[in-house]
Amino acid sequence: MNLKGERVASDMIKEISSILLTEIKDEDLKNVTITYATVTNDLSFAKVYFTTLDDYKKEKVIKDMNNASSFFRSELAKRLNIRHIPEIKFIYDESIEYGKKIEDIIEKINGED
């Protein structure tokens, strides 16, 4: 990712987080946290990674976030000063869950000593 792509990704994280806090009516999406974003060099496509506190609703939240991607794009068009807003694909960020599992394993191993 080039410098402009990194700036756009950073701006997208900030603005999508703000949209989630202020604009979204769906209660399931209120617990979503944007963790990371990548944008292609030509700024045509973005992957936006997120987590949710409601683990049991993960599949619904993934579906809802992707269904709302055109809404997010239209809101970003109002907020970001770029000519073309990238297509957005929302992806559930497994890294936090993975880190928690590793932490639990380490605690279990240390507890056996």
Protein backbone atom coordinates (compact mmCIF):
# COMPACT_ATOMS: atom_id res chain seq x y z
CA MET A 1 0.00 0.00 0.00
CA ASN A 2 1.40 3.39 -0.96
CA LEU A 3 1.36 6.51 1.21
CA LYS A 4 -1.89 7.83 -0.24
CA GLY A 5 -3.49 4.39 0.23
CA GLU A 6 -2.37 4.33 3.85
CA ARG A 7 -3.82 7.81 4.44
CA VAL A 8 -7.13 6.86 2.80
CA ALA A 9 -7.26 3.62 4.84
CA SER A 10 -6.59 5.56 8.05
CA ASP A 11 -9.25 8.14 7.17
CA MET A 12 -11.72 5.37 6.35
CA ILE A 13 -11.16 3.69 9.74
CA LYS A 14 -11.78 6.99 11.53
CA GLU A 15 -14.86 7.95 9.51
CA ILE A 16 -16.51 4.49 9.46
CA SER A 17 -16.04 4.33 13.25
CA SER A 18 -17.70 7.73 13.53
CA ILE A 19 -20.57 6.65 11.25
CA LEU A 20 -21.10 3.53 13.38
CA LEU A 21 -21.32 5.70 16.51
CA THR A 22 -23.56 8.44 15.17
CA GLU A 23 -25.53 7.30 12.10
CA ILE A 24 -26.28 3.59 12.41
CA LYS A 25 -29.65 2.64 13.86
CA ASP A 26 -29.11 -1.16 13.95
CA GLU A 27 -28.25 -2.06 17.56
CA ASP A 28 -26.21 -5.10 16.43
CA LEU A 29 -23.84 -2.77 14.58
CA LYS A 30 -23.41 -0.43 17.56
CA ASN A 31 -20.94 -2.93 19.08
CA VAL A 32 -18.73 -3.07 15.97
CA THR A 33 -15.14 -1.85 16.23
CA ILE A 34 -13.12 -1.14 13.10
CA THR A 35 -9.64 -2.57 13.63
CA TYR A 36 -7.77 -2.21 10.33
CA ALA A 37 -8.19 -1.29 6.67
CA THR A 38 -6.25 -1.82 3.47
CA VAL A 39 -6.76 -0.01 0.18
CA THR A 40 -5.44 -1.05 -3.23
CA ASN A 41 -2.84 1.23 -4.85
CA ASP A 42 -5.38 2.56 -7.35
CA LEU A 43 -7.83 3.28 -4.47
CA SER A 44 -10.56 1.23 -6.16
CA PHE A 45 -11.05 -1.41 -3.46
CA ALA A 46 -10.81 -1.48 0.34
CA LYS A 47 -10.88 -4.29 2.86
CA VAL A 48 -12.12 -3.07 6.23
CA TYR A 49 -11.55 -5.39 9.20
CA PHE A 50 -13.77 -5.28 12.27
CA THR A 51 -14.68 -7.09 15.47
CA THR A 52 -17.88 -7.18 17.48
CA LEU A 53 -18.61 -7.71 21.15
CA ASP A 54 -21.61 -9.87 20.22
CA ASP A 55 -19.78 -13.05 19.22
CA TYR A 56 -22.97 -15.06 18.93
CA LYS A 57 -24.24 -12.61 16.27
CA LYS A 58 -20.99 -12.59 14.27
CA GLU A 59 -22.44 -14.03 11.03
CA LYS A 60 -25.40 -11.61 11.09
CA VAL A 61 -23.09 -8.66 11.73
CA ILE A 62 -20.77 -9.66 8.86
CA LYS A 63 -23.77 -9.87 6.53
CA ASP A 64 -25.26 -6.58 7.78
CA MET A 65 -21.96 -4.69 7.48
CA ASN A 66 -21.48 -5.83 3.89
CA ASN A 67 -25.13 -5.07 3.05
CA ALA A 68 -24.55 -1.55 4.36
CA SER A 69 -21.36 -0.98 2.35
CA SER A 70 -23.12 1.31 -0.17
CA PHE A 71 -24.44 3.38 2.75
CA PHE A 72 -20.90 3.63 4.16
CA ARG A 73 -19.56 4.61 0.72
CA SER A 74 -22.13 7.39 0.33
CA GLU A 75 -21.34 8.70 3.82
CA LEU A 76 -17.59 8.52 3.12
CA ALA A 77 -18.12 10.47 -0.11
CA LYS A 78 -19.49 13.36 2.00
CA ARG A 79 -16.64 13.17 4.53
CA LEU A 80 -13.46 12.29 2.61
CA ASN A 81 -11.81 14.63 0.17
CA ILE A 82 -11.04 12.08 -2.54
CA ARG A 83 -12.43 11.78 -6.05
CA HIS A 84 -13.47 8.12 -5.93
CA ILE A 85 -14.56 6.19 -2.83
CA PRO A 86 -13.26 2.58 -2.95
CA GLU A 87 -15.58 -0.41 -3.08
CA ILE A 88 -15.71 -1.75 0.49
CA LYS A 89 -15.56 -5.36 1.66
CA PHE A 90 -16.02 -5.83 5.40
CA ILE A 91 -14.09 -8.74 6.92
CA TYR A 92 -14.38 -10.07 10.45
CA ASP A 93 -11.00 -9.71 12.19
CA GLU A 94 -10.10 -13.11 13.64
CA SER A 95 -6.78 -11.90 15.13
CA ILE A 96 -8.27 -10.81 18.46
CA GLU A 97 -10.05 -14.16 18.92
CA TYR A 98 -6.83 -15.94 17.92
CA GLY A 99 -4.82 -13.91 20.44
CA LYS A 100 -7.34 -14.74 23.18
CA LYS A 101 -7.07 -18.47 22.40
CA ILE A 102 -3.25 -18.29 22.57
CA GLU A 103 -3.51 -16.39 25.87
CA ASP A 104 -5.84 -19.06 27.28
CA ILE A 105 -3.45 -21.84 26.22
CA ILE A 106 -0.49 -20.06 27.84
CA GLU A 107 -2.47 -19.56 31.06
CA LYS A 108 -3.46 -23.23 31.04
CA ILE A 109 0.16 -24.32 30.55
CA ASN A 110 1.39 -21.97 33.30
CA GLY A 111 -1.37 -23.15 35.61
CA GLU A 112 -0.17 -26.78 35.31
CA ASP A 113 3.29 -25.97 36.74
